[in-house]
Protein backbone atom coordinates (compact mmCIF):
# COMPACT_ATOMS: atom_id res chain seq x y z
CA MET A 1 148.49 -188.96 -35.94
CA SER A 2 149.04 -185.00 -34.67
CA ASP A 3 147.83 -184.46 -30.80
CA GLN A 4 144.61 -183.03 -31.91
CA LEU A 5 143.55 -185.82 -34.42
CA ALA A 6 144.90 -188.02 -31.51
CA ASN A 7 142.25 -186.76 -29.05
CA LYS A 8 139.94 -186.53 -31.75
CA SER A 9 139.70 -190.11 -32.50
CA ALA A 10 139.09 -191.03 -28.82
CA GLY A 11 135.81 -188.76 -28.89
CA TRP A 12 137.55 -185.54 -27.18
CA SER A 13 137.25 -181.84 -28.56
CA GLY A 14 140.28 -179.45 -29.50
CA LEU A 15 140.60 -178.62 -25.86
CA PHE A 16 143.42 -180.84 -24.94
CA SER A 17 147.08 -180.09 -26.29
CA GLU A 18 148.81 -183.01 -25.61
CA PRO A 19 148.05 -186.77 -26.48
CA MET A 20 147.13 -189.45 -23.52
CA ASP A 21 150.21 -190.92 -21.50
CA GLU A 22 150.12 -194.48 -23.15
CA LEU A 23 150.19 -195.83 -19.37
CA VAL A 24 147.23 -193.78 -18.94
CA LYS A 25 145.55 -194.67 -22.01
CA ARG A 26 146.03 -198.54 -20.59
CA TYR A 27 144.74 -197.81 -17.16
CA THR A 28 141.53 -196.21 -18.14
CA ALA A 29 140.85 -198.07 -21.17
CA SER A 30 138.14 -200.70 -20.49
CA VAL A 31 137.12 -202.02 -24.14
CA ASP A 32 139.15 -205.44 -23.11
CA PHE A 33 135.96 -206.04 -20.94
CA ASP A 34 133.22 -203.94 -22.13
CA ARG A 35 133.30 -205.27 -25.44
CA ALA A 36 130.90 -207.38 -23.72
CA LEU A 37 128.25 -204.89 -24.14
CA ALA A 38 128.78 -204.21 -28.12
CA GLU A 39 125.09 -206.34 -29.01
CA VAL A 40 123.50 -204.48 -26.20
CA ASP A 41 125.20 -201.05 -27.58
CA ILE A 42 123.78 -201.51 -31.20
CA GLN A 43 120.21 -202.43 -30.08
CA GLY A 44 120.18 -199.15 -27.45
CA SER A 45 121.67 -196.83 -30.68
CA LEU A 46 119.53 -198.17 -32.88
CA ALA A 47 116.19 -197.55 -30.32
CA HIS A 48 117.99 -194.10 -29.65
CA ALA A 49 118.65 -193.46 -33.70
CA ARG A 50 115.02 -194.21 -34.28
CA MET A 51 113.78 -191.82 -31.79
CA LEU A 52 115.78 -189.04 -32.90
CA GLU A 53 114.58 -188.89 -36.37
CA ALA A 54 110.63 -189.53 -34.81
CA ALA A 55 111.46 -186.59 -33.08
CA GLY A 56 112.51 -184.64 -36.14
CA ILE A 57 116.06 -184.18 -34.82
CA ILE A 58 117.96 -186.49 -37.86
CA ASP A 59 116.25 -187.14 -40.75
CA ALA A 60 115.65 -190.55 -42.45
CA ARG A 61 118.38 -190.34 -44.53
CA ASP A 62 120.85 -190.29 -41.54
CA LEU A 63 118.47 -192.84 -40.22
CA SER A 64 118.84 -195.14 -42.90
CA ASP A 65 122.51 -194.94 -42.72
CA ILE A 66 122.94 -195.39 -39.07
CA GLU A 67 121.33 -198.54 -39.39
CA ARG A 68 122.89 -199.95 -42.67
CA GLY A 69 126.05 -199.01 -40.48
CA LEU A 70 125.21 -200.83 -37.06
CA THR A 71 123.97 -203.84 -39.06
CA GLN A 72 127.47 -204.20 -40.64
CA ILE A 73 129.49 -203.39 -37.35
CA ARG A 74 127.08 -206.44 -35.58
CA GLN A 75 127.95 -208.51 -38.63
CA GLU A 76 131.81 -207.81 -38.39
CA ILE A 77 131.78 -208.18 -34.55
CA GLU A 78 129.95 -211.60 -34.61
CA GLY A 79 132.06 -212.52 -37.31
CA GLY A 80 134.97 -212.02 -35.22
CA THR A 81 136.48 -209.34 -38.27
CA PHE A 82 135.99 -206.09 -35.97
CA ASP A 83 138.97 -204.50 -35.46
CA TRP A 84 139.05 -203.98 -31.28
CA SER A 85 141.49 -200.68 -30.44
CA LEU A 86 142.69 -198.96 -27.66
CA ASP A 87 143.12 -196.12 -28.52
CA LEU A 88 139.46 -195.58 -28.31
CA GLU A 89 139.27 -196.93 -24.97
CA ASP A 90 136.01 -198.28 -25.03
CA VAL A 91 132.96 -200.53 -26.39
CA HIS A 92 130.50 -197.17 -27.05
CA LEU A 93 133.86 -195.46 -28.89
CA ASN A 94 134.81 -198.33 -31.32
CA ILE A 95 131.54 -198.62 -32.50
CA GLU A 96 130.98 -195.03 -32.86
CA ALA A 97 134.48 -194.42 -34.91
CA ARG A 98 133.43 -197.54 -37.30
CA LEU A 99 130.32 -196.12 -37.91
CA THR A 100 131.35 -192.84 -38.56
CA ALA A 101 134.23 -194.90 -40.87
CA LEU A 102 131.02 -196.37 -42.90
CA VAL A 103 128.48 -193.54 -43.01
CA GLY A 104 129.77 -190.76 -42.90
CA ASP A 105 128.25 -187.30 -41.24
CA ALA A 106 124.92 -189.60 -39.98
CA GLY A 107 127.32 -191.24 -37.70
CA LYS A 108 128.44 -188.49 -35.90
CA ARG A 109 124.82 -187.41 -35.98
CA LEU A 110 124.26 -190.44 -33.87
CA HIS A 111 125.45 -189.16 -30.40
CA THR A 112 122.76 -186.25 -30.48
CA GLY A 113 121.19 -186.06 -27.31
CA ARG A 114 123.02 -188.85 -25.35
CA SER A 115 126.04 -188.96 -23.65
CA ARG A 116 128.17 -191.86 -22.76
CA ASN A 117 127.06 -191.75 -19.31
CA ASP A 118 123.55 -192.72 -20.39
CA GLN A 119 124.62 -194.52 -22.91
CA VAL A 120 126.57 -197.21 -20.34
CA ALA A 121 124.10 -197.16 -18.17
CA THR A 122 121.33 -197.67 -20.51
CA ASP A 123 123.69 -200.77 -22.00
CA ILE A 124 124.55 -202.47 -18.53
CA ARG A 125 120.79 -202.28 -17.49
CA LEU A 126 119.75 -204.52 -20.92
CA TRP A 127 122.45 -206.87 -20.61
CA LEU A 128 122.13 -207.42 -17.32
CA ARG A 129 118.30 -207.66 -18.20
CA GLY A 130 119.27 -210.70 -20.30
CA THR A 131 121.40 -212.15 -17.61
CA ILE A 132 118.96 -211.98 -14.92
CA ASP A 133 116.06 -213.77 -17.27
CA ASN A 134 119.14 -216.66 -18.61
CA ALA A 135 119.87 -217.12 -14.21
CA ILE A 136 116.62 -217.22 -13.95
CA ASP A 137 115.86 -220.18 -16.50
CA GLN A 138 118.78 -221.83 -15.17
CA LEU A 139 117.50 -221.62 -11.61
CA THR A 140 114.55 -223.37 -12.90
CA ALA A 141 116.38 -226.04 -15.10
CA LEU A 142 117.99 -226.97 -11.45
CA GLN A 143 115.16 -226.50 -9.25
CA THR A 144 113.71 -229.09 -11.72
CA SER A 145 116.65 -231.62 -11.42
CA LEU A 146 116.81 -232.00 -7.52
CA ALA A 147 113.14 -232.53 -7.54
CA THR A 148 112.78 -234.90 -10.07
CA LEU A 149 115.41 -236.68 -8.06
CA ALA A 150 113.20 -236.00 -4.90
CA LEU A 151 110.09 -237.79 -6.01
CA GLU A 152 112.70 -240.99 -7.06
CA HIS A 153 113.65 -241.23 -3.02
CA ALA A 154 110.37 -239.91 -2.01
CA GLY A 155 110.56 -242.64 1.01
CA THR A 156 114.38 -243.64 0.54
CA ILE A 157 115.52 -242.86 4.73
CA MET A 158 118.06 -241.02 5.44
CA PRO A 159 119.26 -239.22 8.66
CA GLY A 160 118.40 -235.84 9.06
CA PHE A 161 120.80 -234.18 11.33
CA THR A 162 121.30 -231.00 13.68
CA HIS A 163 125.37 -229.49 14.86
CA LEU A 164 126.12 -232.38 12.07
CA GLN A 165 124.66 -234.64 14.51
CA VAL A 166 122.02 -237.43 14.08
CA ALA A 167 119.04 -235.98 15.01
CA GLN A 168 116.02 -237.39 13.19
CA PRO A 169 115.18 -239.19 10.21
CA VAL A 170 113.69 -237.35 6.95
CA THR A 171 113.95 -239.26 3.17
CA PHE A 172 116.62 -238.25 0.79
CA GLY A 173 113.75 -236.27 -1.47
CA HIS A 174 112.72 -234.45 1.44
CA HIS A 175 116.06 -233.28 1.50
CA LEU A 176 116.51 -232.09 -1.61
CA LEU A 177 113.39 -230.54 -1.38
CA ALA A 178 114.84 -227.98 1.16
CA TYR A 179 117.32 -226.65 -1.83
CA VAL A 180 114.28 -226.56 -4.20
CA GLU A 181 112.79 -223.88 -1.92
CA MET A 182 116.08 -222.08 -1.28
CA PHE A 183 116.53 -221.69 -5.01
CA ALA A 184 112.96 -220.64 -5.35
CA ARG A 185 113.61 -217.61 -3.19
CA ASP A 186 116.55 -216.85 -5.36
CA ALA A 187 114.69 -216.76 -8.47
CA GLU A 188 111.84 -214.76 -6.79
CA ARG A 189 114.79 -212.32 -5.47
CA LEU A 190 116.56 -211.94 -9.26
CA ALA A 191 112.80 -211.24 -10.85
CA ASP A 192 111.68 -209.13 -8.09
CA ALA A 193 115.54 -207.17 -9.02
CA ARG A 194 114.90 -206.73 -12.78
CA ARG A 195 111.76 -204.31 -12.15
CA ARG A 196 114.48 -202.07 -10.74
CA VAL A 197 117.16 -203.05 -13.73
CA ASN A 198 114.41 -202.18 -16.21
CA ARG A 199 114.28 -199.05 -15.95
CA LEU A 200 115.29 -196.35 -19.05
CA PRO A 201 118.45 -194.08 -17.72
CA LEU A 202 118.80 -193.06 -21.76
CA GLY A 203 117.78 -189.16 -22.34
CA ALA A 204 119.27 -188.39 -19.04
CA ALA A 205 122.44 -187.06 -21.07
CA ALA A 206 125.93 -186.73 -19.14
CA LEU A 207 123.44 -185.66 -16.02
CA ALA A 208 121.11 -183.09 -16.60
CA GLY A 209 119.00 -184.40 -19.17
CA THR A 210 118.78 -182.23 -23.25
CA THR A 211 117.77 -179.45 -24.71
CA PHE A 212 116.90 -181.56 -28.07
CA PRO A 213 112.93 -182.88 -27.78
CA ILE A 214 113.77 -186.19 -27.32
CA ASP A 215 111.00 -189.29 -26.83
CA ARG A 216 112.21 -191.19 -23.71
CA GLN A 217 108.96 -193.30 -23.70
CA ARG A 218 109.05 -194.33 -27.48
CA VAL A 219 112.81 -195.49 -26.67
CA ALA A 220 111.80 -197.21 -23.54
CA ASP A 221 108.96 -198.77 -25.28
CA ALA A 222 111.59 -199.92 -28.28
CA LEU A 223 113.95 -201.32 -25.72
CA GLY A 224 111.09 -202.86 -23.81
CA PHE A 225 111.70 -201.02 -20.54
CA GLU A 226 108.95 -201.06 -17.99
CA ALA A 227 110.04 -197.57 -16.33
CA ILE A 228 111.92 -194.31 -17.54
CA ALA A 229 114.70 -193.03 -14.65
CA ALA A 230 113.34 -190.10 -13.06
CA ASN A 231 115.67 -188.17 -12.41
CA SER A 232 118.79 -187.13 -14.51
CA LEU A 233 121.47 -187.24 -11.83
CA ASP A 234 119.96 -190.30 -10.50
CA ALA A 235 119.80 -192.07 -14.11
CA VAL A 236 123.64 -191.61 -14.71
CA SER A 237 125.33 -192.30 -11.85
CA ASP A 238 122.82 -195.47 -9.76
CA ARG A 239 124.32 -198.30 -9.42
CA ASP A 240 121.86 -199.82 -7.16
CA PHE A 241 120.92 -202.50 -9.58
CA ALA A 242 124.03 -203.73 -10.06
CA ILE A 243 124.85 -204.23 -6.44
CA GLU A 244 121.50 -206.01 -6.01
CA PHE A 245 122.36 -208.09 -8.90
CA CYS A 246 125.32 -209.30 -7.11
CA ALA A 247 123.90 -209.44 -3.35
CA ALA A 248 120.83 -212.14 -5.13
CA ALA A 249 123.68 -214.12 -6.84
CA SER A 250 125.78 -214.38 -3.48
CA LEU A 251 122.49 -215.81 -2.18
CA VAL A 252 122.28 -218.10 -4.92
CA MET A 253 126.24 -218.96 -4.56
CA ILE A 254 125.67 -219.27 -0.92
CA HIS A 255 122.67 -222.01 -1.54
CA VAL A 256 124.87 -223.88 -4.25
CA SER A 257 127.90 -224.20 -2.03
CA ARG A 258 125.55 -225.67 1.26
CA LEU A 259 124.71 -228.06 -1.04
CA SER A 260 128.12 -228.22 -2.13
CA GLU A 261 129.29 -228.80 1.33
CA GLU A 262 126.55 -231.87 1.92
CA LEU A 263 127.80 -233.63 -1.39
CA VAL A 264 131.49 -233.32 -0.50
CA LEU A 265 129.94 -234.64 2.95
CA TRP A 266 127.62 -237.10 1.66
CA MET A 267 130.64 -239.10 -0.90
CA SER A 268 133.47 -239.16 1.68
CA PRO A 269 134.28 -242.73 3.09
CA ALA A 270 132.99 -242.19 6.63
CA MET A 271 129.55 -241.47 5.29
CA GLY A 272 128.76 -242.97 1.45
CA PHE A 273 125.37 -241.69 1.31
CA ILE A 274 125.66 -241.13 -2.52
CA ASP A 275 127.81 -241.74 -5.52
CA MET A 276 128.21 -239.08 -8.29
CA ALA A 277 128.94 -239.39 -11.44
CA ASP A 278 132.91 -240.08 -13.04
CA ARG A 279 132.71 -236.92 -15.21
CA PHE A 280 132.16 -234.73 -12.38
CA CYS A 281 135.27 -235.82 -10.37
CA THR A 282 138.85 -236.44 -10.76
CA GLY A 283 141.51 -238.65 -9.77
CA SER A 284 144.58 -238.75 -7.87
CA SER A 285 148.36 -237.81 -9.74
CA ILE A 286 149.54 -240.20 -6.41
CA MET A 287 146.70 -242.01 -4.70
CA PRO A 288 144.83 -243.99 -7.27
CA GLN A 289 142.47 -244.94 -4.72
CA LYS A 290 140.76 -241.22 -4.98
CA LYS A 291 137.50 -240.02 -6.28
CA ASN A 292 137.57 -236.33 -5.55
CA PRO A 293 134.46 -234.46 -5.67
CA ASP A 294 136.05 -231.13 -7.29
CA VAL A 295 133.06 -229.55 -9.00
CA PRO A 296 131.02 -229.42 -5.79
CA GLU A 297 134.57 -228.21 -4.04
CA LEU A 298 134.97 -225.93 -6.97
CA ALA A 299 131.93 -224.43 -6.54
CA ARG A 300 131.94 -223.65 -2.90
CA GLY A 301 135.44 -221.87 -3.72
CA LYS A 302 133.96 -219.63 -6.06
CA THR A 303 131.14 -218.41 -3.87
CA GLY A 304 133.81 -216.77 -2.31
CA ARG A 305 134.60 -214.77 -5.44
CA VAL A 306 131.16 -213.79 -5.82
CA ILE A 307 130.64 -212.58 -2.59
CA GLY A 308 134.13 -210.81 -2.98
CA ALA A 309 132.23 -208.54 -6.14
CA LEU A 310 129.77 -208.08 -4.00
CA VAL A 311 132.09 -205.99 -1.34
CA THR A 312 134.20 -204.37 -4.43
CA LEU A 313 130.76 -202.89 -5.88
CA THR A 314 129.77 -201.55 -2.69
CA THR A 315 133.07 -200.53 -1.90
CA LEU A 316 132.93 -198.93 -5.29
CA MET A 317 129.86 -196.78 -4.62
CA LYS A 318 129.90 -195.89 -1.05
CA GLY A 319 132.41 -192.51 -1.54
CA GLN A 320 130.80 -191.08 -5.05
CA PRO A 321 128.98 -187.80 -5.31
CA LEU A 322 126.52 -186.69 -7.87
CA ALA A 323 126.92 -187.54 -10.68
CA TYR A 324 128.55 -189.91 -12.80
CA ASN A 325 132.48 -190.76 -12.05
CA LYS A 326 135.11 -192.67 -13.45
CA ASP A 327 135.11 -194.78 -10.84
CA ASN A 328 132.43 -196.90 -12.43
CA GLN A 329 134.09 -198.03 -14.77
CA GLU A 330 135.34 -200.17 -12.24
CA ASP A 331 131.29 -202.08 -12.09
CA LYS A 332 132.00 -203.88 -14.88
CA GLU A 333 134.62 -206.61 -14.17
CA PRO A 334 133.09 -207.69 -11.05
CA LEU A 335 129.62 -207.94 -12.53
CA PHE A 336 130.51 -209.94 -15.57
CA ASP A 337 132.35 -212.45 -13.67
CA THR A 338 129.74 -212.83 -11.16
CA ALA A 339 127.34 -213.29 -14.11
CA ARG A 340 129.65 -215.73 -15.72
CA THR A 341 130.34 -217.51 -12.99
CA LEU A 342 126.73 -218.06 -11.49
CA LEU A 343 125.74 -219.11 -14.95
CA GLU A 344 128.50 -221.86 -15.20
CA THR A 345 127.73 -222.97 -11.58
CA LEU A 346 123.83 -223.32 -12.04
CA ARG A 347 124.66 -225.49 -15.87
CA ILE A 348 126.75 -227.60 -13.96
CA PHE A 349 124.75 -228.61 -11.01
CA THR A 350 121.68 -228.97 -13.40
CA ASP A 351 123.86 -231.62 -15.14
CA LEU A 352 125.30 -232.78 -12.58
CA ILE A 353 122.37 -233.78 -10.23
CA PRO A 354 121.11 -236.71 -12.33
CA GLY A 355 124.43 -238.11 -11.90
CA ILE A 356 123.76 -238.87 -8.25
CA ALA A 357 123.47 -242.16 -6.97
CA PRO A 358 121.93 -242.62 -3.38
CA ARG A 359 123.21 -245.17 -1.25
CA PRO A 360 120.15 -246.24 0.33
CA GLU A 361 121.68 -248.89 2.49
CA ARG A 362 124.59 -246.40 4.13
CA MET A 363 122.24 -243.85 4.42
CA ARG A 364 119.38 -246.20 6.44
CA ALA A 365 122.54 -247.81 8.82
CA ALA A 366 123.16 -244.12 9.31
CA ALA A 367 119.84 -243.50 10.52
CA LEU A 368 119.65 -246.59 13.23
CA GLN A 369 122.81 -244.24 14.71
CA GLY A 370 122.09 -241.89 16.92
CA PHE A 371 118.77 -242.89 18.56
CA SER A 372 117.24 -240.74 16.03
CA THR A 373 114.05 -241.80 16.82
CA ALA A 374 113.79 -240.73 20.49
CA THR A 375 111.45 -237.74 20.11
CA ASP A 376 108.80 -239.85 18.11
CA LEU A 377 109.26 -241.85 21.91
CA ALA A 378 108.37 -239.04 23.81
CA ASP A 379 105.61 -237.80 21.71
CA TYR A 380 103.88 -241.78 22.34
CA LEU A 381 104.50 -240.70 25.78
CA VAL A 382 103.38 -237.46 25.35
CA ARG A 383 99.76 -238.61 23.65
CA ARG A 384 99.36 -241.04 26.40
CA GLY A 385 99.39 -237.94 28.93
CA LEU A 386 102.77 -237.35 30.27
CA PRO A 387 103.51 -233.66 29.93
CA PHE A 388 106.43 -233.28 27.36
CA ARG A 389 109.36 -232.35 29.26
CA ALA A 390 108.68 -235.45 31.93
CA ALA A 391 108.58 -237.54 28.49
CA HIS A 392 111.83 -236.11 27.61
CA GLU A 393 113.47 -236.72 30.83
CA THR A 394 112.22 -240.34 30.51
CA VAL A 395 113.18 -240.74 27.14
CA ALA A 396 116.92 -239.55 27.51
CA ARG A 397 116.95 -242.27 30.46
CA ALA A 398 116.00 -245.01 28.25
CA VAL A 399 118.36 -243.48 25.81
CA ARG A 400 121.55 -243.58 28.49
CA GLU A 401 120.48 -247.48 28.99
CA ALA A 402 120.27 -248.18 25.27
CA SER A 403 123.56 -246.55 24.40
CA ASP A 404 124.42 -248.77 27.53
CA ARG A 405 123.75 -252.12 25.84
CA GLY A 406 124.72 -251.31 22.48
CA VAL A 407 122.16 -251.43 21.47
CA ASP A 408 119.10 -248.79 19.81
CA LEU A 409 115.46 -247.43 21.17
CA ALA A 410 113.75 -249.95 19.09
CA GLU A 411 116.02 -252.89 20.59
CA LEU A 412 115.10 -252.58 23.91
CA PRO A 413 113.00 -255.19 25.32
CA LEU A 414 109.46 -254.18 25.65
CA ASP A 415 109.64 -254.84 30.10
CA VAL A 416 113.16 -252.64 30.28
CA LEU A 417 111.09 -249.53 28.03
CA THR A 418 108.18 -250.27 30.43
CA ALA A 419 110.13 -250.10 33.36
CA PHE A 420 110.84 -246.26 32.73
CA ASP A 421 106.72 -245.35 31.99
CA SER A 422 104.22 -247.78 32.25
CA ARG A 423 102.23 -245.87 29.56
CA ILE A 424 104.76 -247.67 26.98
CA GLU A 425 102.73 -250.69 25.53
CA ALA A 426 103.71 -253.26 22.70
CA ASP A 427 102.43 -250.57 20.44
CA VAL A 428 105.89 -248.53 20.53
CA PHE A 429 107.43 -250.29 18.45
CA GLU A 430 105.69 -248.98 16.03
CA VAL A 431 106.91 -245.56 16.43
CA LEU A 432 110.15 -246.49 16.82
CA THR A 433 110.62 -247.79 13.41
CA LEU A 434 112.38 -245.45 10.89
CA GLU A 435 109.52 -245.68 8.81
CA GLY A 436 106.89 -245.09 11.27
CA SER A 437 109.00 -242.19 12.35
CA VAL A 438 109.02 -240.61 8.75
CA ALA A 439 105.36 -241.32 8.20
CA ALA A 440 104.19 -239.97 11.46
CA ARG A 441 105.25 -236.62 10.04
CA ASP A 442 101.99 -236.88 7.41
CA HIS A 443 101.58 -232.81 7.41
CA PHE A 444 102.43 -230.37 4.59
CA GLY A 445 106.01 -229.94 4.85
CA GLY A 446 106.55 -232.71 6.64
CA THR A 447 108.80 -235.63 5.63
CA ALA A 448 106.03 -238.48 5.29
CA PRO A 449 106.92 -240.29 1.81
CA ALA A 450 103.62 -239.23 0.77
CA ARG A 451 103.74 -235.64 1.94
CA VAL A 452 106.96 -235.45 -0.38
CA ALA A 453 106.30 -236.73 -3.50
CA ASP A 454 103.24 -235.20 -3.36
CA ALA A 455 105.52 -231.51 -2.78
CA ALA A 456 107.74 -232.89 -5.33
CA ARG A 457 105.51 -233.16 -7.81
CA ALA A 458 103.77 -229.93 -7.17
CA ALA A 459 107.26 -228.23 -7.66
CA LEU A 460 107.57 -230.09 -11.30
CA ASP A 461 103.95 -228.63 -12.28
CA ARG A 462 104.99 -225.14 -10.98
CA LEU A 463 108.15 -225.17 -12.84
CA ALA A 464 107.00 -226.30 -16.02
CA ALA A 465 104.56 -223.86 -16.19
CA ARG A 466 107.34 -221.37 -15.73
């Protein structure tokens, strides 16, 4: 192949006098990973071609040939017979070259009024829009799994912790619903980010727009974009939307990681609060007694990978002048990896949650440690007129006495309790039980079993209506 033909095969003009160096070719090519955009590239090209025909820029025969050619290319890609070429650098030039081979000059006319700069920006937004929709669906499924288990265990008592110290009794269902709330916020963030993703760059061309009488609104309507990028320079160079997605994905993974940490702790023999289905665990190559919670541990690790992608993209963009720069080719791999990691993690956790088997007896035994109803005794004294700080001090002395005796507060004799404050009467033991403690938190957002059940049902109704 002559130098000139080599450059033309890559989409260049006759300006260049020598072919690209082989190392440079490999270094700059993106087709190994950006072929993931093939389907949305075809969608965008079809919408662009139909707009060109409607505007009288190409004729009906050209459009028919382009549609026929792109349909065949789609079939070849789906069937695995498409010949991807490194010489053609990226997904866009590979598809364009194949189209031209199939339909001739009509394929060459397709690129009228656009550039790879606005083409790739459009493709990424189309791809990311679908990814966000998928992620929101997966978050809905995960929340449903959590809320279903929460409803089943609305009254299963476990210790609530602060500083990993036993603090107050809660229910297992209430604890699970905290993650439903986290993932609900994640879905809100993704839905909000989707609005900024869903703006059409096509028509910005290389950076300044085009001299052809294009109809950008027609293309936006055809592709389902809610708005059109208003400035051609910004349209081709903006990657805020990718950064925003990675930020939202990082928060999702942080929440998954927090849940993972708790699953690992709960499954440890020291706590023994839960068992996890065998299909989500592994054994040891040397210790036959081991059952390791590998899925939560790996999710905890993959969180760093997603956060790393966010750092990569923010660093990528921080020094770029307007408009498009080749640096932006580096946006795809971290973005694709983030999406893949996020979606796979959400899918597996949706399946993992129903495989969790709580061990209520171990949870209850742990809740009886650490004087978890001490605050209930303080509240009891406050309701009888003692200022809270004074009640706090009184209960602290009672806890010290119970600790010295090696018993729980509820096991102290009444005469010992009344020695700390004469307001204490026999009904105090009703508030010192675990059941009495959780039942007393009977308000919206509280851990009373009835409230937890109501919250779980409300969450399931809300999720079913999505």
